[in-house]
């Protein structure tokens, strides 16, 4: 995530935000940051998380955002 951030920012010189989308089962610990420390130098990069397994099927069906459909398929498979 950090590598993508600094490459995009370096090329475009514009504000950048990041979202990590996880499809892992609910309950699995997922980090929302990258940290590096070496000889007194520290870098921490914090990013946004979306955990698809935490959204209820009814809420995704009712949501008009196209990404809700993607999340629905990722969570529950293609509709029959």
PDB file of N, CA and C in Angstrom:
ATOM      1  N   UNK A   1       0.830  -1.192   0.000  1.00  0.00           N
ATOM      2  CA  UNK A   1       0.000   0.000   0.000  1.00  0.00           C
ATOM      3  C   UNK A   1       0.871   1.252   0.000  1.00  0.00           C
ATOM      4  N   UNK A   2       1.903   1.251   0.828  1.00  0.00           N
ATOM      5  CA  UNK A   2       2.758   2.436   0.891  1.00  0.00           C
ATOM      6  C   UNK A   2       3.471   2.675  -0.438  1.00  0.00           C
ATOM      7  N   UNK A   3       3.922   1.606  -1.059  1.00  0.00           N
ATOM      8  CA  UNK A   3       4.633   1.738  -2.339  1.00  0.00           C
ATOM      9  C   UNK A   3       3.714   2.385  -3.385  1.00  0.00           C
ATOM     10  N   UNK A   4       2.457   1.932  -3.451  1.00  0.00           N
ATOM     11  CA  UNK A   4       1.512   2.535  -4.395  1.00  0.00           C
ATOM     12  C   UNK A   4       1.334   4.017  -4.081  1.00  0.00           C
ATOM     13  N   UNK A   5       1.196   4.317  -2.788  1.00  0.00           N
ATOM     14  CA  UNK A   5       0.990   5.701  -2.372  1.00  0.00           C
ATOM     15  C   UNK A   5       2.133   6.602  -2.842  1.00  0.00           C
ATOM     16  N   UNK A   6       3.368   6.221  -2.507  1.00  0.00           N
ATOM     17  CA  UNK A   6       4.463   7.141  -2.827  1.00  0.00           C
ATOM     18  C   UNK A   6       4.721   7.228  -4.325  1.00  0.00           C
ATOM     19  N   UNK A   7       4.433   6.179  -5.080  1.00  0.00           N
ATOM     20  CA  UNK A   7       4.617   6.258  -6.533  1.00  0.00           C
ATOM     21  C   UNK A   7       3.576   7.166  -7.177  1.00  0.00           C
ATOM     22  N   UNK A   8       2.335   7.035  -6.747  1.00  0.00           N
ATOM     23  CA  UNK A   8       1.274   7.894  -7.289  1.00  0.00           C
ATOM     24  C   UNK A   8       1.520   9.340  -6.892  1.00  0.00           C
ATOM     25  N   UNK A   9       1.829   9.567  -5.608  1.00  0.00           N
ATOM     26  CA  UNK A   9       2.075  10.933  -5.149  1.00  0.00           C
ATOM     27  C   UNK A   9       3.289  11.533  -5.850  1.00  0.00           C
ATOM     28  N   UNK A  10       4.350  10.760  -6.009  1.00  0.00           N
ATOM     29  CA  UNK A  10       5.549  11.244  -6.676  1.00  0.00           C
ATOM     30  C   UNK A  10       5.301  11.623  -8.127  1.00  0.00           C
ATOM     31  N   UNK A  11       4.462  10.862  -8.793  1.00  0.00           N
ATOM     32  CA  UNK A  11       4.185  11.144 -10.207  1.00  0.00           C
ATOM     33  C   UNK A  11       3.220  12.311 -10.393  1.00  0.00           C
ATOM     34  N   UNK A  12       2.153  12.346  -9.596  1.00  0.00           N
ATOM     35  CA  UNK A  12       1.093  13.333  -9.807  1.00  0.00           C
ATOM     36  C   UNK A  12       1.203  14.574  -8.923  1.00  0.00           C
ATOM     37  N   UNK A  13       1.943  14.467  -7.799  1.00  0.00           N
ATOM     38  CA  UNK A  13       2.063  15.580  -6.850  1.00  0.00           C
ATOM     39  C   UNK A  13       0.696  16.122  -6.429  1.00  0.00           C
ATOM     40  N   UNK A  14      -0.205  15.173  -6.126  1.00  0.00           N
ATOM     41  CA  UNK A  14      -1.559  15.537  -5.696  1.00  0.00           C
ATOM     42  C   UNK A  14      -1.917  14.705  -4.478  1.00  0.00           C
ATOM     43  N   UNK A  15      -2.905  15.124  -3.690  1.00  0.00           N
ATOM     44  CA  UNK A  15      -3.317  14.329  -2.535  1.00  0.00           C
ATOM     45  C   UNK A  15      -3.783  12.933  -2.963  1.00  0.00           C
ATOM     46  N   UNK A  16      -3.456  11.946  -2.161  1.00  0.00           N
ATOM     47  CA  UNK A  16      -3.795  10.558  -2.457  1.00  0.00           C
ATOM     48  C   UNK A  16      -4.452   9.944  -1.236  1.00  0.00           C
ATOM     49  N   UNK A  17      -5.496   9.159  -1.459  1.00  0.00           N
ATOM     50  CA  UNK A  17      -6.063   8.363  -0.385  1.00  0.00           C
ATOM     51  C   UNK A  17      -6.038   6.907  -0.836  1.00  0.00           C
ATOM     52  N   UNK A  18      -6.098   5.998   0.101  1.00  0.00           N
ATOM     53  CA  UNK A  18      -6.023   4.582  -0.233  1.00  0.00           C
ATOM     54  C   UNK A  18      -7.060   3.798   0.554  1.00  0.00           C
ATOM     55  N   UNK A  19      -7.582   2.762  -0.081  1.00  0.00           N
ATOM     56  CA  UNK A  19      -8.542   1.868   0.556  1.00  0.00           C
ATOM     57  C   UNK A  19      -8.113   0.438   0.253  1.00  0.00           C
ATOM     58  N   UNK A  20      -7.909  -0.343   1.286  1.00  0.00           N
ATOM     59  CA  UNK A  20      -7.604  -1.768   1.127  1.00  0.00           C
ATOM     60  C   UNK A  20      -8.905  -2.531   1.316  1.00  0.00           C
ATOM     61  N   UNK A  21      -9.254  -3.377   0.347  1.00  0.00           N
ATOM     62  CA  UNK A  21     -10.502  -4.132   0.387  1.00  0.00           C
ATOM     63  C   UNK A  21     -10.164  -5.594   0.663  1.00  0.00           C
ATOM     64  N   UNK A  22     -10.669  -6.101   1.776  1.00  0.00           N
ATOM     65  CA  UNK A  22     -10.377  -7.468   2.189  1.00  0.00           C
ATOM     66  C   UNK A  22     -11.611  -8.347   2.090  1.00  0.00           C
ATOM     67  N   UNK A  23     -11.407  -9.554   1.597  1.00  0.00           N
ATOM     68  CA  UNK A  23     -12.497 -10.527   1.507  1.00  0.00           C
ATOM     69  C   UNK A  23     -12.302 -11.667   2.492  1.00  0.00           C
ATOM     70  N   UNK A  24     -11.313 -11.559   3.353  1.00  0.00           N
ATOM     71  CA  UNK A  24     -11.061 -12.600   4.349  1.00  0.00           C
ATOM     72  C   UNK A  24     -12.231 -12.720   5.300  1.00  0.00           C
ATOM     73  N   UNK A  25     -12.351 -13.878   5.935  1.00  0.00           N
ATOM     74  CA  UNK A  25     -13.456 -14.075   6.884  1.00  0.00           C
ATOM     75  C   UNK A  25     -13.436 -13.046   8.019  1.00  0.00           C
ATOM     76  N   UNK A  26     -14.620 -12.703   8.482  1.00  0.00           N
ATOM     77  CA  UNK A  26     -14.756 -11.780   9.602  1.00  0.00           C
ATOM     78  C   UNK A  26     -14.043 -12.390  10.806  1.00  0.00           C
ATOM     79  N   UNK A  27     -13.401 -11.547  11.581  1.00  0.00           N
ATOM     80  CA  UNK A  27     -12.721 -12.007  12.775  1.00  0.00           C
ATOM     81  C   UNK A  27     -11.221 -12.133  12.593  1.00  0.00           C
ATOM     82  N   UNK A  28     -10.760 -12.218  11.365  1.00  0.00           N
ATOM     83  CA  UNK A  28      -9.328 -12.291  11.117  1.00  0.00           C
ATOM     84  C   UNK A  28      -8.726 -10.902  11.311  1.00  0.00           C
ATOM     85  N   UNK A  29      -7.655 -10.815  12.059  1.00  0.00           N
ATOM     86  CA  UNK A  29      -7.006  -9.537  12.346  1.00  0.00           C
ATOM     87  C   UNK A  29      -6.330  -9.010  11.083  1.00  0.00           C
ATOM     88  N   UNK A  30      -6.656  -7.785  10.736  1.00  0.00           N
ATOM     89  CA  UNK A  30      -6.112  -7.151   9.542  1.00  0.00           C
ATOM     90  C   UNK A  30      -5.499  -5.811   9.952  1.00  0.00           C
ATOM     91  N   UNK A  31      -4.294  -5.564   9.504  1.00  0.00           N
ATOM     92  CA  UNK A  31      -3.605  -4.316   9.823  1.00  0.00           C
ATOM     93  C   UNK A  31      -4.095  -3.191   8.921  1.00  0.00           C
ATOM     94  N   UNK A  32      -4.172  -1.996   9.480  1.00  0.00           N
ATOM     95  CA  UNK A  32      -4.558  -0.829   8.685  1.00  0.00           C
ATOM     96  C   UNK A  32      -3.392   0.159   8.557  1.00  0.00           C
ATOM     97  N   UNK A  33      -2.168  -0.360   8.731  1.00  0.00           N
ATOM     98  CA  UNK A  33      -1.023   0.531   8.584  1.00  0.00           C
ATOM     99  C   UNK A  33       0.242  -0.252   8.228  1.00  0.00           C
ATOM    100  N   UNK A  34       1.194   0.493   7.703  1.00  0.00           N
ATOM    101  CA  UNK A  34       2.525  -0.021   7.419  1.00  0.00           C
ATOM    102  C   UNK A  34       3.470   0.805   8.278  1.00  0.00           C
ATOM    103  N   UNK A  35       4.348   0.152   9.009  1.00  0.00           N
ATOM    104  CA  UNK A  35       5.311   0.869   9.845  1.00  0.00           C
ATOM    105  C   UNK A  35       6.704   0.311   9.588  1.00  0.00           C
ATOM    106  N   UNK A  36       7.664   1.230   9.509  1.00  0.00           N
ATOM    107  CA  UNK A  36       9.059   0.837   9.300  1.00  0.00           C
ATOM    108  C   UNK A  36       9.920   1.692  10.224  1.00  0.00           C
ATOM    109  N   UNK A  37      10.812   1.035  10.948  1.00  0.00           N
ATOM    110  CA  UNK A  37      11.724   1.733  11.847  1.00  0.00           C
ATOM    111  C   UNK A  37      13.135   1.222  11.615  1.00  0.00           C
ATOM    112  N   UNK A  38      14.094   2.171  11.552  1.00  0.00           N
ATOM    113  CA  UNK A  38      15.491   1.769  11.382  1.00  0.00           C
ATOM    114  C   UNK A  38      16.397   2.886  11.883  1.00  0.00           C
ATOM    115  N   UNK A  39      17.190   2.577  12.847  1.00  0.00           N
ATOM    116  CA  UNK A  39      18.207   3.484  13.387  1.00  0.00           C
ATOM    117  C   UNK A  39      17.680   4.892  13.658  1.00  0.00           C
ATOM    118  N   UNK A  40      16.564   4.978  14.350  1.00  0.00           N
ATOM    119  CA  UNK A  40      16.018   6.272  14.743  1.00  0.00           C
ATOM    120  C   UNK A  40      15.090   6.924  13.736  1.00  0.00           C
ATOM    121  N   UNK A  41      14.986   6.358  12.550  1.00  0.00           N
ATOM    122  CA  UNK A  41      14.053   6.877  11.551  1.00  0.00           C
ATOM    123  C   UNK A  41      12.798   6.023  11.576  1.00  0.00           C
ATOM    124  N   UNK A  42      11.643   6.674  11.599  1.00  0.00           N
ATOM    125  CA  UNK A  42      10.369   5.944  11.639  1.00  0.00           C
ATOM    126  C   UNK A  42       9.433   6.452  10.557  1.00  0.00           C
ATOM    127  N   UNK A  43       8.694   5.521   9.996  1.00  0.00           N
ATOM    128  CA  UNK A  43       7.686   5.851   8.998  1.00  0.00           C
ATOM    129  C   UNK A  43       6.441   5.030   9.306  1.00  0.00           C
ATOM    130  N   UNK A  44       5.295   5.691   9.403  1.00  0.00           N
ATOM    131  CA  UNK A  44       4.027   4.995   9.589  1.00  0.00           C
ATOM    132  C   UNK A  44       3.060   5.495   8.524  1.00  0.00           C
ATOM    133  N   UNK A  45       2.482   4.562   7.790  1.00  0.00           N
ATOM    134  CA  UNK A  45       1.508   4.886   6.743  1.00  0.00           C
ATOM    135  C   UNK A  45       0.210   4.181   7.092  1.00  0.00           C
ATOM    136  N   UNK A  46      -0.834   4.953   7.381  1.00  0.00           N
ATOM    137  CA  UNK A  46      -2.129   4.407   7.767  1.00  0.00           C
ATOM    138  C   UNK A  46      -3.088   4.564   6.597  1.00  0.00           C
ATOM    139  N   UNK A  47      -3.863   3.505   6.323  1.00  0.00           N
ATOM    140  CA  UNK A  47      -4.801   3.533   5.196  1.00  0.00           C
ATOM    141  C   UNK A  47      -6.171   3.028   5.640  1.00  0.00           C
ATOM    142  N   UNK A  48      -7.159   3.261   4.789  1.00  0.00           N
ATOM    143  CA  UNK A  48      -8.542   2.871   5.067  1.00  0.00           C
ATOM    144  C   UNK A  48      -8.744   1.390   4.769  1.00  0.00           C
ATOM    145  N   UNK A  49      -9.607   0.750   5.539  1.00  0.00           N
ATOM    146  CA  UNK A  49      -9.949  -0.656   5.329  1.00  0.00           C
ATOM    147  C   UNK A  49     -11.429  -0.811   5.046  1.00  0.00           C
ATOM    148  N   UNK A  50     -11.732  -1.726   4.144  1.00  0.00           N
ATOM    149  CA  UNK A  50     -13.104  -2.169   3.933  1.00  0.00           C
ATOM    150  C   UNK A  50     -13.077  -3.687   4.052  1.00  0.00           C
ATOM    151  N   UNK A  51     -13.854  -4.214   4.973  1.00  0.00           N
ATOM    152  CA  UNK A  51     -13.939  -5.668   5.154  1.00  0.00           C
ATOM    153  C   UNK A  51     -15.289  -6.110   4.594  1.00  0.00           C
ATOM    154  N   UNK A  52     -15.258  -6.775   3.443  1.00  0.00           N
ATOM    155  CA  UNK A  52     -16.499  -7.122   2.755  1.00  0.00           C
ATOM    156  C   UNK A  52     -17.399  -8.024   3.584  1.00  0.00           C
ATOM    157  N   UNK A  53     -16.835  -8.904   4.364  1.00  0.00           N
ATOM    158  CA  UNK A  53     -17.633  -9.835   5.143  1.00  0.00           C
ATOM    159  C   UNK A  53     -18.442  -9.208   6.263  1.00  0.00           C
ATOM    160  N   UNK A  54     -18.250  -7.921   6.523  1.00  0.00           N
ATOM    161  CA  UNK A  54     -18.959  -7.267   7.627  1.00  0.00           C
ATOM    162  C   UNK A  54     -20.261  -6.606   7.184  1.00  0.00           C
ATOM    163  N   UNK A  55     -20.543  -6.609   5.890  1.00  0.00           N
ATOM    164  CA  UNK A  55     -21.757  -5.961   5.386  1.00  0.00           C
ATOM    165  C   UNK A  55     -22.887  -6.980   5.243  1.00  0.00           C
ATOM    166  N   UNK A  56     -24.066  -6.588   5.699  1.00  0.00           N
ATOM    167  CA  UNK A  56     -25.216  -7.497   5.624  1.00  0.00           C
ATOM    168  C   UNK A  56     -25.751  -7.569   4.198  1.00  0.00           C
ATOM    169  N   UNK A  57     -26.191  -8.764   3.811  1.00  0.00           N
ATOM    170  CA  UNK A  57     -26.690  -8.986   2.455  1.00  0.00           C
ATOM    171  C   UNK A  57     -27.842  -8.042   2.115  1.00  0.00           C
ATOM    172  N   UNK A  58     -28.781  -7.854   3.035  1.00  0.00           N
ATOM    173  CA  UNK A  58     -29.937  -6.979   2.778  1.00  0.00           C
ATOM    174  C   UNK A  58     -29.495  -5.540   2.511  1.00  0.00           C
ATOM    175  N   UNK A  59     -28.475  -5.070   3.257  1.00  0.00           N
ATOM    176  CA  UNK A  59     -27.981  -3.708   3.062  1.00  0.00           C
ATOM    177  C   UNK A  59     -27.329  -3.549   1.699  1.00  0.00           C
ATOM    178  N   UNK A  60     -26.585  -4.555   1.274  1.00  0.00           N
ATOM    179  CA  UNK A  60     -25.926  -4.490  -0.031  1.00  0.00           C
ATOM    180  C   UNK A  60     -26.943  -4.509  -1.166  1.00  0.00           C
ATOM    181  N   UNK A  61     -27.981  -5.324  -1.040  1.00  0.00           N
ATOM    182  CA  UNK A  61     -29.025  -5.399  -2.066  1.00  0.00           C
ATOM    183  C   UNK A  61     -29.749  -4.060  -2.191  1.00  0.00           C
ATOM    184  N   UNK A  62     -29.997  -3.399  -1.066  1.00  0.00           N
ATOM    185  CA  UNK A  62     -30.728  -2.133  -1.059  1.00  0.00           C
ATOM    186  C   UNK A  62     -29.872  -0.944  -1.502  1.00  0.00           C
ATOM    187  N   UNK A  63     -28.568  -1.102  -1.535  1.00  0.00           N
ATOM    188  CA  UNK A  63     -27.667   0.002  -1.857  1.00  0.00           C
ATOM    189  C   UNK A  63     -27.547   0.168  -3.373  1.00  0.00           C
ATOM    190  N   UNK A  64     -27.690   1.394  -3.867  1.00  0.00           N
ATOM    191  CA  UNK A  64     -27.628   1.653  -5.306  1.00  0.00           C
ATOM    192  C   UNK A  64     -26.197   1.840  -5.823  1.00  0.00           C
ATOM    193  N   UNK A  65     -25.237   1.892  -4.939  1.00  0.00           N
ATOM    194  CA  UNK A  65     -23.840   2.049  -5.347  1.00  0.00           C
ATOM    195  C   UNK A  65     -23.390   0.781  -6.081  1.00  0.00           C
ATOM    196  N   UNK A  66     -22.807   0.909  -7.290  1.00  0.00           N
ATOM    197  CA  UNK A  66     -22.376  -0.283  -8.034  1.00  0.00           C
ATOM    198  C   UNK A  66     -21.373  -1.154  -7.261  1.00  0.00           C
ATOM    199  N   UNK A  67     -20.584  -0.535  -6.400  1.00  0.00           N
ATOM    200  CA  UNK A  67     -19.631  -1.322  -5.624  1.00  0.00           C
ATOM    201  C   UNK A  67     -20.344  -2.246  -4.633  1.00  0.00           C
ATOM    202  N   UNK A  68     -21.552  -1.887  -4.220  1.00  0.00           N
ATOM    203  CA  UNK A  68     -22.330  -2.764  -3.332  1.00  0.00           C
ATOM    204  C   UNK A  68     -22.615  -4.089  -4.031  1.00  0.00           C
ATOM    205  N   UNK A  69     -22.849  -4.055  -5.328  1.00  0.00           N
ATOM    206  CA  UNK A  69     -23.069  -5.287  -6.098  1.00  0.00           C
ATOM    207  C   UNK A  69     -21.809  -6.141  -6.104  1.00  0.00           C
ATOM    208  N   UNK A  70     -20.648  -5.500  -6.279  1.00  0.00           N
ATOM    209  CA  UNK A  70     -19.379  -6.230  -6.236  1.00  0.00           C
ATOM    210  C   UNK A  70     -19.196  -6.867  -4.865  1.00  0.00           C
ATOM    211  N   UNK A  71     -19.465  -6.115  -3.808  1.00  0.00           N
ATOM    212  CA  UNK A  71     -19.334  -6.640  -2.450  1.00  0.00           C
ATOM    213  C   UNK A  71     -20.313  -7.784  -2.217  1.00  0.00           C
ATOM    214  N   UNK A  72     -21.508  -7.674  -2.735  1.00  0.00           N
ATOM    215  CA  UNK A  72     -22.505  -8.734  -2.598  1.00  0.00           C
ATOM    216  C   UNK A  72     -22.024 -10.027  -3.259  1.00  0.00           C
ATOM    217  N   UNK A  73     -21.484  -9.909  -4.461  1.00  0.00           N
ATOM    218  CA  UNK A  73     -20.968 -11.087  -5.169  1.00  0.00           C
ATOM    219  C   UNK A  73     -19.772 -11.675  -4.414  1.00  0.00           C
ATOM    220  N   UNK A  74     -18.896 -10.809  -3.918  1.00  0.00           N
ATOM    221  CA  UNK A  74     -17.722 -11.300  -3.185  1.00  0.00           C
ATOM    222  C   UNK A  74     -18.128 -12.024  -1.904  1.00  0.00           C
ATOM    223  N   UNK A  75     -19.175 -11.538  -1.243  1.00  0.00           N
ATOM    224  CA  UNK A  75     -19.629 -12.121   0.019  1.00  0.00           C
ATOM    225  C   UNK A  75     -20.451 -13.393  -0.173  1.00  0.00           C
ATOM    226  N   UNK A  76     -21.336 -13.372  -1.176  1.00  0.00           N
ATOM    227  CA  UNK A  76     -22.360 -14.398  -1.262  1.00  0.00           C
ATOM    228  C   UNK A  76     -22.411 -15.142  -2.603  1.00  0.00           C
ATOM    229  N   UNK A  77     -21.550 -14.780  -3.541  1.00  0.00           N
ATOM    230  CA  UNK A  77     -21.574 -15.422  -4.865  1.00  0.00           C
ATOM    231  C   UNK A  77     -22.560 -14.749  -5.794  1.00  0.00           C
ATOM    232  N   UNK A  78     -22.567 -15.193  -7.020  1.00  0.00           N
ATOM    233  CA  UNK A  78     -23.485 -14.639  -8.020  1.00  0.00           C
ATOM    234  C   UNK A  78     -24.926 -14.996  -7.696  1.00  0.00           C
ATOM    235  N   UNK A  79     -25.856 -14.063  -7.912  1.00  0.00           N
ATOM    236  CA  UNK A  79     -27.269 -14.387  -7.666  1.00  0.00           C
ATOM    237  C   UNK A  79     -27.760 -15.455  -8.652  1.00  0.00           C
ATOM    238  N   UNK A  80     -28.679 -16.272  -8.207  1.00  0.00           N
ATOM    239  CA  UNK A  80     -29.203 -17.330  -9.098  1.00  0.00           C
ATOM    240  C   UNK A  80     -30.379 -16.852  -9.904  1.00  0.00           C
TER     241      UNK A  80
END
